[in-house]
Amino acid sequence: MTTNIVVVGMGYVGIPCAALLADVEGFTVVGLQRKSKRSGWKIDVLNSGKSPFEGVEPGLDKLLSKVVAKGKFKVTDDPEILSNADVILIDVQTPTDAQNMPQYVSLKEVSESIGKRIRKGALVVVESTVAPGTTQNVVQTIIEKESGLKAGTDFDLAFSYERVMPGKLIEFIVNMPRVVGGITPKSTQRAVDLYSKIVKDKVYTADTMTAELAKVIENAYRDVNIAFANEMAMVCESLGVDVYKIIELVNARHDRHMHIPGAGVGGHCLPKDPWLLRYGLYEYGTWKIEPEFISLARRINNYMPVHMANLVENALLARGVSMHTAIVTVLGVAYLENSDDTRNTPSAPLVSSLQTKGMTVRLHDPYVKEWEFTQLPIEKDVIKAATGADCLALVTKHSVYSSLDLDKIKKVMRTPAIVDGRNVFSRETMIAKGFEYRCIGKRGIQPIAYHEP
C-alpha cells in the first residue's frame, strides 16, 4: 500500500525532508510550491532532479536525482494535490516583523488550503518553527473551521521541528535526534512512525506545547551564548586582548564551551526564534513574563554589523581615507559559509551602516546569485571586487576567503585595509604584509582623531 505525502514549502527544510521520505519504500512524495517570480523556478529545477541551492549540500543532488528518476518525487503548484494526501507536512517560513511579532501569513494560508481539501484520516505535521501554542491555536483552529472535521478524531495533528542548517541538510535530518509532539497519543505515534523511517537517532515524544517550546528555547539558548561571546569580544578589543586566546583558555576545561564571536547572527531561525518564544508569553494584551535575557542577547547580536562598520571606519581613518570617497567591498552576502542562504544575513545591516556613513559598497559572494535586499550587483571574481577598494569587510567565512592571494589582493586595492568579521586571517600576517587590519575580538578600534583628511 502506498502512502501519499505532500510537503508544503520547498525550502531548506522541505526539500531535503521530501527527498528523504521519497526514498522510503512505499512512500510517494509531492512537493507543493507556490509559483511566484521569486521562487516559482524551483518547480522546474526540482522536477529535473536537481537541487536549487548553490551552496555545498552533500548528498542532496544525488538523492533528488534518484527519487525523481524513480517517479517517487515531483513538485507542483496545484493545491488540489492535498485532497489525496495521507500525510501533509507544513514547511513554510514564519518570519517576524520590525516589531518582532510573528507574521503567519503563509502558515495561515496553507492551513486554510489544507482545511478545504483534507480528507478524513490524514496526518498533518507542522515543521515550521512557531510560537508556543500556535499548532493548536492557529493551525488546528483554521483546519477545523475550513474542513468541518475535528482534530484528534477525524484527522491527526502534530508538531515536529527541524534542526537543519545549510551545508548539512541531509546529515542533520538523518543523524540528529527528533522531537515529536502530537495533540493526542495517536497523532504522536503516527508522526513517530513517519520520522522513524528517515531518522537514525532517537525520536523523542512530548505534548505539542512542550515540543514547540523546546525548539524556540533551543535556539534562544544558542543566541544567548553567541551574544555573550560577541560582548566579550568587544570587551577584549577595548583592553587590547585577543578574545580567541581567552576562548582557548576558558575551553581548556572540558565542561566549558564558550562560543565564537562574529560579524552578526543570520539565518531564518536564530534572529527570530527568541522573539517567537517571547510572543508565546503574550496573552490578552499583556506579557505573562518579560524574558529580558533573550531580548538583551538579540540587541547585542543585532549590533555586531554596526560594530563591523565602525571597525571599517576606524581602519580607513587610520590610513587617511575619507568616508565619502571610500570604496568598501563586503566579502560574503550569505549568512553562512559555503551556502547561498541570505535570510537575515548580517551583511544587510552592515551594507546599510556603511552607506549611511557615506561609503560606496561593493559585494562579493561565490554562491549568491541575487539578493533582494539591494540592487547592488554581486561580483563573483574576488580580484575584480577588490580592485580599487579601500577596505575589504569579511562577513561570511566562505572557504575561498581562507586561500586568498593576499599579495595580489594588496596590489589591486587602492588602500590595503581589511576588517575580519570571522577570524579568518592572522593579525601578525596581515600587518607584516602591510594591511591595516581590524578583527572582531582582536585589539579593536584604535585611538584616532576623527576628522576628515
Protein backbone atom coordinates (compact mmCIF):
# COMPACT_ATOMS: atom_id res chain seq x y z
CA MET A 1 0.00 0.00 0.00
CA THR A 2 1.36 3.42 -0.98
CA THR A 3 1.44 6.33 1.46
CA ASN A 4 0.92 9.66 -0.30
CA ILE A 5 2.85 12.50 1.33
CA VAL A 6 2.61 16.20 0.47
CA VAL A 7 5.31 18.56 1.71
CA VAL A 8 4.16 22.18 1.59
CA GLY A 9 7.05 24.56 1.05
CA MET A 10 10.16 23.76 -0.96
CA GLY A 11 12.90 25.44 1.03
CA TYR A 12 15.86 24.42 3.13
CA VAL A 13 13.64 22.18 5.29
CA GLY A 14 11.00 20.94 2.87
CA ILE A 15 13.29 19.81 0.05
CA PRO A 16 15.66 17.50 1.97
CA CYS A 17 12.82 16.10 4.08
CA ALA A 18 10.73 15.39 0.98
CA ALA A 19 13.65 13.74 -0.80
CA LEU A 20 14.44 11.50 2.18
CA LEU A 21 10.81 10.42 2.57
CA ALA A 22 10.53 9.76 -1.17
CA ASP A 23 13.43 7.32 -0.86
CA VAL A 24 11.42 5.17 1.58
CA GLU A 25 9.76 2.06 0.19
CA GLY A 26 6.00 2.54 -0.05
CA PHE A 27 6.13 6.36 0.09
CA THR A 28 5.46 8.76 -2.76
CA VAL A 29 6.02 12.47 -2.17
CA VAL A 30 4.74 15.61 -3.86
CA GLY A 31 6.23 18.99 -3.03
CA LEU A 32 3.76 21.86 -3.09
CA GLN A 33 5.41 25.14 -4.02
CA ARG A 34 3.69 28.43 -4.81
CA LYS A 35 4.64 29.64 -8.27
CA SER A 36 5.95 33.19 -7.92
CA LYS A 37 8.54 35.38 -9.59
CA ARG A 38 10.88 34.79 -6.68
CA SER A 39 10.58 31.04 -6.15
CA GLY A 40 8.47 29.55 -8.92
CA TRP A 41 11.59 28.48 -10.81
CA LYS A 42 12.25 25.88 -8.12
CA ILE A 43 9.48 23.70 -9.51
CA ASP A 44 11.21 23.10 -12.83
CA VAL A 45 14.64 22.68 -11.23
CA LEU A 46 13.41 20.11 -8.72
CA ASN A 47 11.39 18.23 -11.30
CA SER A 48 14.57 17.87 -13.34
CA GLY A 49 16.13 16.07 -10.37
CA LYS A 50 18.44 18.89 -9.33
CA SER A 51 18.88 20.96 -6.20
CA PRO A 52 18.07 24.68 -6.41
CA PHE A 53 20.73 25.53 -3.83
CA GLU A 54 24.06 26.98 -4.98
CA GLY A 55 25.93 26.11 -1.80
CA VAL A 56 27.62 22.84 -0.93
CA GLU A 57 24.98 20.26 0.09
CA PRO A 58 26.49 16.76 0.41
CA GLY A 59 24.18 14.02 -0.82
CA LEU A 60 21.23 16.19 -1.82
CA ASP A 61 21.78 16.32 -5.58
CA LYS A 62 22.31 12.57 -5.78
CA LEU A 63 19.22 11.84 -3.69
CA LEU A 64 16.98 14.19 -5.69
CA SER A 65 18.17 12.71 -8.96
CA LYS A 66 17.41 9.22 -7.67
CA VAL A 67 13.87 9.82 -6.35
CA VAL A 68 12.82 11.92 -9.34
CA ALA A 69 14.11 9.30 -11.79
CA LYS A 70 12.12 6.61 -9.93
CA GLY A 71 8.95 8.70 -10.08
CA LYS A 72 8.83 8.89 -6.29
CA PHE A 73 9.06 12.68 -6.04
CA LYS A 74 7.71 15.62 -8.01
CA VAL A 75 6.79 19.24 -7.34
CA THR A 76 3.65 21.13 -8.29
CA ASP A 77 1.88 24.40 -7.57
CA ASP A 78 -1.59 22.79 -7.62
CA PRO A 79 -3.07 22.70 -4.09
CA GLU A 80 -5.62 20.08 -5.15
CA ILE A 81 -2.88 17.51 -4.55
CA LEU A 82 -3.71 17.93 -0.85
CA SER A 83 -7.02 16.12 -1.29
CA ASN A 84 -5.19 12.85 -1.95
CA ALA A 85 -2.66 13.15 0.87
CA ASP A 86 -2.30 10.66 3.70
CA VAL A 87 0.35 12.84 5.32
CA ILE A 88 0.86 16.61 4.99
CA LEU A 89 4.00 18.36 6.24
CA ILE A 90 3.95 22.15 6.64
CA ASP A 91 7.35 23.72 5.92
CA VAL A 92 6.68 27.40 5.27
CA GLN A 93 8.56 30.39 6.64
CA THR A 94 7.33 32.06 9.81
CA PRO A 95 9.17 35.40 9.95
CA THR A 96 8.82 38.20 12.47
CA ASP A 97 8.22 41.86 11.60
CA ALA A 98 10.05 45.03 12.60
CA GLN A 99 8.25 44.94 15.97
CA ASN A 100 9.42 41.33 16.50
CA MET A 101 5.90 39.95 16.14
CA PRO A 102 5.31 36.72 14.18
CA GLN A 103 3.95 37.00 10.66
CA TYR A 104 1.91 33.87 10.00
CA VAL A 105 0.59 34.88 6.59
CA SER A 106 1.93 31.80 4.79
CA LEU A 107 1.13 29.48 7.70
CA LYS A 108 -2.48 30.65 7.82
CA GLU A 109 -2.91 30.46 4.04
CA VAL A 110 -1.55 26.92 3.97
CA SER A 111 -3.76 25.91 6.90
CA GLU A 112 -6.82 27.25 5.06
CA SER A 113 -5.83 25.42 1.89
CA ILE A 114 -5.38 22.18 3.82
CA GLY A 115 -8.68 22.66 5.63
CA LYS A 116 -10.57 23.00 2.34
CA ARG A 117 -9.10 19.77 0.96
CA ILE A 118 -8.05 17.48 3.79
CA ARG A 119 -9.57 14.04 3.87
CA LYS A 120 -10.52 12.04 6.95
CA GLY A 121 -7.70 10.07 8.47
CA ALA A 122 -4.90 12.33 7.24
CA LEU A 123 -1.94 13.30 9.42
CA VAL A 124 -0.79 16.93 9.43
CA VAL A 125 2.63 17.79 10.88
CA VAL A 126 3.81 21.36 11.43
CA GLU A 127 7.58 21.50 10.92
CA SER A 128 7.78 25.30 10.68
CA THR A 129 9.08 26.92 13.86
CA VAL A 130 6.24 28.67 15.68
CA ALA A 131 5.49 30.40 18.95
CA PRO A 132 4.33 28.04 21.72
CA GLY A 133 0.64 27.28 21.28
CA THR A 134 0.49 28.01 17.55
CA THR A 135 -0.06 24.44 16.31
CA GLN A 136 -3.36 24.17 18.15
CA ASN A 137 -4.44 27.80 18.44
CA VAL A 138 -3.76 28.69 14.81
CA VAL A 139 -3.25 25.65 12.57
CA GLN A 140 -5.76 23.33 14.25
CA THR A 141 -8.37 26.06 14.59
CA ILE A 142 -8.16 27.02 10.89
CA ILE A 143 -8.19 23.45 9.56
CA GLU A 144 -11.18 22.53 11.73
CA LYS A 145 -13.07 25.66 10.65
CA GLU A 146 -12.44 25.12 6.94
CA SER A 147 -12.98 21.35 6.92
CA GLY A 148 -15.68 20.80 9.47
CA LEU A 149 -13.53 17.97 10.81
CA LYS A 150 -12.28 17.56 14.37
CA ALA A 151 -8.58 17.25 15.12
CA GLY A 152 -7.68 14.12 17.05
CA THR A 153 -10.82 12.37 15.85
CA ASP A 154 -11.18 12.94 12.09
CA PHE A 155 -7.55 13.84 11.39
CA ASP A 156 -4.30 13.76 13.34
CA LEU A 157 -2.09 16.74 14.09
CA ALA A 158 1.46 17.04 15.43
CA PHE A 159 4.38 19.41 15.69
CA SER A 160 7.91 18.20 14.94
CA TYR A 161 10.68 20.70 14.49
CA GLU A 162 13.66 20.53 12.18
CA ARG A 163 17.28 21.15 13.16
CA VAL A 164 18.76 21.67 9.70
CA MET A 165 21.37 24.15 8.58
CA PRO A 166 22.67 24.87 5.07
CA GLY A 167 25.59 22.63 4.19
CA LYS A 168 24.29 19.81 6.38
CA LEU A 169 20.64 19.45 5.39
CA ILE A 170 20.61 15.69 4.86
CA GLU A 171 23.05 14.93 7.68
CA PHE A 172 21.11 16.85 10.33
CA ILE A 173 17.71 15.37 9.45
CA VAL A 174 19.07 11.82 9.46
CA ASN A 175 21.54 11.96 12.34
CA MET A 176 20.03 14.45 14.78
CA PRO A 177 17.50 13.46 17.47
CA ARG A 178 13.90 14.28 16.57
CA VAL A 179 11.18 15.68 18.81
CA VAL A 180 7.52 14.92 18.10
CA GLY A 181 4.55 16.39 19.92
CA GLY A 182 1.07 15.30 18.86
CA ILE A 183 -2.26 16.61 20.10
CA THR A 184 -3.22 13.03 21.01
CA PRO A 185 -1.21 9.84 21.67
CA LYS A 186 -2.35 8.51 18.29
CA SER A 187 -1.18 11.66 16.50
CA THR A 188 2.17 11.41 18.25
CA GLN A 189 2.63 7.74 17.35
CA ARG A 190 1.78 8.29 13.70
CA ALA A 191 4.37 11.06 13.47
CA VAL A 192 6.95 8.91 15.27
CA ASP A 193 6.32 6.07 12.81
CA LEU A 194 6.82 8.51 9.91
CA TYR A 195 10.09 10.04 11.10
CA SER A 196 11.50 6.72 12.24
CA LYS A 197 11.74 5.84 8.54
CA ILE A 198 14.34 8.54 7.92
CA VAL A 199 15.83 9.43 11.34
CA LYS A 200 18.60 7.19 12.62
CA ASP A 201 18.88 8.87 16.03
CA LYS A 202 16.28 8.75 18.81
CA VAL A 203 12.80 10.17 18.25
CA TYR A 204 11.60 11.82 21.46
CA THR A 205 7.94 12.38 22.26
CA ALA A 206 6.23 15.19 24.16
CA ASP A 207 2.98 17.11 24.18
CA THR A 208 2.59 19.71 21.45
CA MET A 209 3.33 22.76 23.59
CA THR A 210 6.48 21.18 25.01
CA ALA A 211 7.75 20.33 21.52
CA GLU A 212 7.08 23.86 20.26
CA LEU A 213 8.78 25.35 23.31
CA ALA A 214 11.80 23.05 23.02
CA LYS A 215 12.58 24.43 19.54
CA VAL A 216 12.46 28.11 20.40
CA ILE A 217 14.27 27.65 23.72
CA GLU A 218 17.00 25.64 21.98
CA ASN A 219 17.65 28.46 19.52
CA ALA A 220 17.30 31.17 22.17
CA TYR A 221 19.93 29.33 24.23
CA ARG A 222 22.30 29.35 21.28
CA ASP A 223 21.61 33.01 20.53
CA VAL A 224 22.34 33.99 24.14
CA ASN A 225 25.65 32.10 24.09
CA ILE A 226 26.69 33.83 20.88
CA ALA A 227 25.72 37.20 22.34
CA PHE A 228 27.94 36.56 25.35
CA ALA A 229 30.86 35.73 23.04
CA ASN A 230 30.19 38.87 20.99
CA GLU A 231 30.08 41.11 24.04
CA MET A 232 33.27 39.57 25.45
CA ALA A 233 34.93 40.12 22.06
CA MET A 234 34.22 43.82 22.32
CA VAL A 235 35.47 43.79 25.91
CA CYS A 236 38.72 42.20 24.77
CA GLU A 237 39.08 44.69 21.90
CA SER A 238 38.79 47.59 24.33
CA LEU A 239 41.51 46.11 26.55
CA GLY A 240 43.86 45.14 23.75
CA VAL A 241 43.46 41.39 24.33
CA ASP A 242 42.80 38.59 21.82
CA VAL A 243 39.40 37.03 22.63
CA TYR A 244 40.34 33.86 20.75
CA LYS A 245 43.14 33.24 23.25
CA ILE A 246 40.62 33.80 26.03
CA ILE A 247 38.27 31.26 24.44
CA GLU A 248 41.09 28.74 24.21
CA LEU A 249 41.88 29.18 27.89
CA VAL A 250 38.25 29.03 29.01
CA ASN A 251 37.51 25.95 26.91
CA ALA A 252 40.61 24.18 28.18
CA ARG A 253 38.30 23.00 30.94
CA HIS A 254 36.35 20.11 29.45
CA ASP A 255 32.95 21.25 30.71
CA ARG A 256 33.19 24.77 29.29
CA HIS A 257 32.17 25.74 25.79
CA MET A 258 32.48 29.45 25.13
CA HIS A 259 31.18 30.27 21.66
CA ILE A 260 32.91 32.13 18.83
CA PRO A 261 32.11 35.81 18.17
CA GLY A 262 31.48 37.20 14.73
CA ALA A 263 30.10 39.85 12.40
CA GLY A 264 26.50 39.05 13.30
CA VAL A 265 23.87 36.32 13.56
CA GLY A 266 21.82 35.40 10.50
CA GLY A 267 19.63 32.67 9.12
CA HIS A 268 15.92 32.02 9.35
CA CYS A 269 15.93 30.74 12.94
CA LEU A 270 18.19 32.48 15.45
CA PRO A 271 17.22 36.10 14.68
CA LYS A 272 13.51 35.34 15.11
CA ASP A 273 13.02 32.28 17.34
CA PRO A 274 13.76 34.14 20.61
CA TRP A 275 11.01 36.58 19.60
CA LEU A 276 8.65 33.67 18.89
CA LEU A 277 9.40 32.41 22.39
CA ARG A 278 8.60 35.84 23.78
CA TYR A 279 5.38 36.05 21.75
CA GLY A 280 4.21 32.77 23.28
CA LEU A 281 4.08 34.63 26.60
CA TYR A 282 1.70 37.29 25.25
CA GLU A 283 -1.91 36.95 26.36
CA TYR A 284 -4.82 39.36 26.38
CA GLY A 285 -2.64 42.38 25.69
CA THR A 286 -0.06 41.73 28.41
CA TRP A 287 3.07 39.61 28.91
CA LYS A 288 2.93 36.73 31.39
CA ILE A 289 6.63 37.37 31.92
CA GLU A 290 9.10 39.59 30.08
CA PRO A 291 12.11 37.43 29.02
CA GLU A 292 14.71 40.17 29.41
CA PHE A 293 17.77 37.97 28.94
CA ILE A 294 16.91 36.84 25.42
CA SER A 295 15.85 40.35 24.43
CA LEU A 296 19.24 41.69 25.53
CA ALA A 297 21.02 38.95 23.59
CA ARG A 298 19.11 39.90 20.46
CA ARG A 299 20.15 43.53 20.82
CA ILE A 300 23.82 42.59 21.24
CA ASN A 301 23.82 40.29 18.21
CA ASN A 302 21.95 42.84 16.11
CA TYR A 303 24.63 45.40 16.98
CA MET A 304 27.56 43.39 15.61
CA PRO A 305 27.18 44.52 11.95
CA VAL A 306 27.16 48.11 13.21
CA HIS A 307 30.33 47.36 15.15
CA MET A 308 31.82 45.96 11.93
CA ALA A 309 31.01 49.24 10.18
CA ASN A 310 32.74 51.16 12.99
CA LEU A 311 35.83 48.99 12.57
CA VAL A 312 35.81 49.74 8.84
CA GLU A 313 35.58 53.47 9.55
CA ASN A 314 38.43 53.25 12.03
CA ALA A 315 40.68 51.33 9.65
CA LEU A 316 40.07 53.85 6.88
CA LEU A 317 40.72 56.83 9.12
CA ALA A 318 44.00 55.23 10.18
CA ARG A 319 45.04 55.38 6.50
CA GLY A 320 43.68 58.89 5.98
CA VAL A 321 40.78 57.85 3.74
CA SER A 322 37.62 59.98 3.71
CA MET A 323 34.34 58.18 4.30
CA HIS A 324 32.80 59.98 1.34
CA THR A 325 35.40 58.73 -1.14
CA ALA A 326 35.90 55.26 0.36
CA ILE A 327 35.04 52.10 -1.53
CA VAL A 328 34.34 49.08 0.69
CA THR A 329 33.96 45.55 -0.65
CA VAL A 330 31.83 43.26 1.52
CA LEU A 331 33.08 39.67 1.33
CA GLY A 332 30.13 37.37 1.79
CA VAL A 333 26.43 38.00 1.27
CA ALA A 334 25.14 34.65 2.56
CA TYR A 335 24.77 34.39 6.32
CA LEU A 336 26.55 31.01 6.50
CA GLU A 337 29.79 29.79 4.98
CA ASN A 338 29.65 27.88 1.69
CA SER A 339 25.90 28.40 1.28
CA ASP A 340 23.67 30.68 -0.75
CA ASP A 341 21.25 31.42 2.08
CA THR A 342 20.81 35.18 2.59
CA ARG A 343 17.96 35.09 5.11
CA ASN A 344 18.58 37.69 7.82
CA THR A 345 22.21 37.91 6.77
CA PRO A 346 24.30 40.37 8.83
CA SER A 347 25.61 41.71 5.52
CA ALA A 348 22.35 43.63 5.14
CA PRO A 349 22.69 45.90 8.20
CA LEU A 350 26.42 46.19 7.51
CA VAL A 351 25.77 47.50 4.00
CA SER A 352 23.19 49.95 5.36
CA SER A 353 25.59 51.17 8.05
CA LEU A 354 28.44 51.66 5.57
CA GLN A 355 26.22 53.54 3.15
CA THR A 356 24.88 55.71 5.97
CA LYS A 357 28.48 56.69 6.73
CA GLY A 358 28.84 57.80 3.10
CA MET A 359 30.87 54.90 1.75
CA THR A 360 30.43 53.22 -1.64
CA VAL A 361 29.75 49.49 -1.22
CA ARG A 362 30.57 46.55 -3.44
CA LEU A 363 29.54 42.94 -2.90
CA HIS A 364 31.29 39.62 -3.45
CA ASP A 365 29.94 36.12 -2.88
CA PRO A 366 30.87 32.88 -4.69
CA TYR A 367 27.44 31.32 -4.18
CA VAL A 368 24.74 34.01 -4.08
CA LYS A 369 23.35 34.96 -7.49
CA GLU A 370 20.92 37.66 -6.43
CA TRP A 371 19.91 39.41 -3.24
CA GLU A 372 16.55 41.08 -2.85
CA PHE A 373 17.88 43.42 -0.14
CA THR A 374 19.70 45.62 -2.63
CA GLN A 375 20.11 46.24 -6.34
CA LEU A 376 23.89 46.19 -6.00
CA PRO A 377 25.47 43.57 -8.29
CA ILE A 378 27.19 40.59 -6.68
CA GLU A 379 30.64 40.09 -8.12
CA LYS A 380 31.93 36.51 -8.50
CA ASP A 381 35.58 37.40 -9.14
CA VAL A 382 37.16 38.40 -5.83
CA ILE A 383 40.11 40.17 -7.50
CA LYS A 384 37.74 42.27 -9.58
CA ALA A 385 35.68 43.05 -6.48
CA ALA A 386 38.79 44.16 -4.59
CA THR A 387 40.26 46.28 -7.40
CA GLY A 388 40.31 49.94 -6.38
CA ALA A 389 38.75 49.20 -2.99
CA ASP A 390 39.90 50.93 0.19
CA CYS A 391 38.76 48.19 2.55
CA LEU A 392 37.53 44.60 2.50
CA ALA A 393 34.93 43.70 5.14
CA LEU A 394 34.74 39.93 5.58
CA VAL A 395 31.32 38.87 6.89
CA THR A 396 30.98 35.24 5.78
CA LYS A 397 33.58 32.52 6.29
CA HIS A 398 33.38 31.05 2.78
CA SER A 399 36.26 28.65 2.27
CA VAL A 400 37.54 30.65 -0.72
CA TYR A 401 38.44 33.53 1.57
CA SER A 402 40.85 31.39 3.58
CA SER A 403 43.00 30.89 0.49
CA LEU A 404 43.04 34.43 -0.88
CA ASP A 405 46.25 35.56 -2.58
CA LEU A 406 46.82 38.44 -0.17
CA ASP A 407 49.80 39.81 -2.08
CA LYS A 408 47.74 40.03 -5.26
CA ILE A 409 44.80 41.48 -3.33
CA LYS A 410 47.01 44.20 -1.87
CA LYS A 411 48.33 45.18 -5.29
CA VAL A 412 44.87 45.76 -6.76
CA MET A 413 43.42 47.63 -3.77
CA ARG A 414 43.63 51.40 -3.57
CA THR A 415 44.09 51.20 0.20
CA PRO A 416 45.18 47.91 1.81
CA ALA A 417 42.74 47.59 4.70
CA ILE A 418 40.80 44.54 5.89
CA VAL A 419 38.18 44.15 8.61
CA ASP A 420 37.86 40.50 9.54
CA GLY A 421 34.48 39.53 10.99
CA ARG A 422 35.21 35.80 11.25
CA ASN A 423 38.84 35.49 12.41
CA VAL A 424 39.96 34.15 9.02
CA PHE A 425 43.32 35.91 8.95
CA SER A 426 46.28 36.15 11.29
CA ARG A 427 46.82 39.65 12.66
CA GLU A 428 50.59 39.21 12.52
CA THR A 429 50.49 38.05 8.89
CA MET A 430 48.23 40.90 7.79
CA ILE A 431 50.36 43.58 9.46
CA ALA A 432 53.54 42.05 8.03
CA LYS A 433 52.03 42.27 4.55
CA GLY A 434 51.23 45.94 5.05
CA PHE A 435 47.48 45.78 5.62
CA GLU A 436 45.57 48.00 8.01
CA TYR A 437 43.89 45.17 9.91
CA ARG A 438 40.94 45.02 12.29
CA CYS A 439 39.26 41.89 13.60
CA ILE A 440 36.31 41.39 15.92
CA GLY A 441 37.79 40.39 19.26
CA LYS A 442 41.36 41.41 18.49
CA ARG A 443 42.76 44.78 19.60
CA GLY A 444 39.84 46.77 18.30
CA ILE A 445 39.25 50.40 17.44
CA GLN A 446 42.47 52.37 17.73
CA PRO A 447 42.58 55.90 19.21
CA ILE A 448 42.43 58.08 16.12
CA ALA A 449 41.42 61.71 15.79
CA TYR A 450 38.12 61.68 13.92
CA HIS A 451 38.41 64.36 11.26
CA GLU A 452 38.15 64.45 7.52
CA PRO A 453 41.63 64.34 5.92
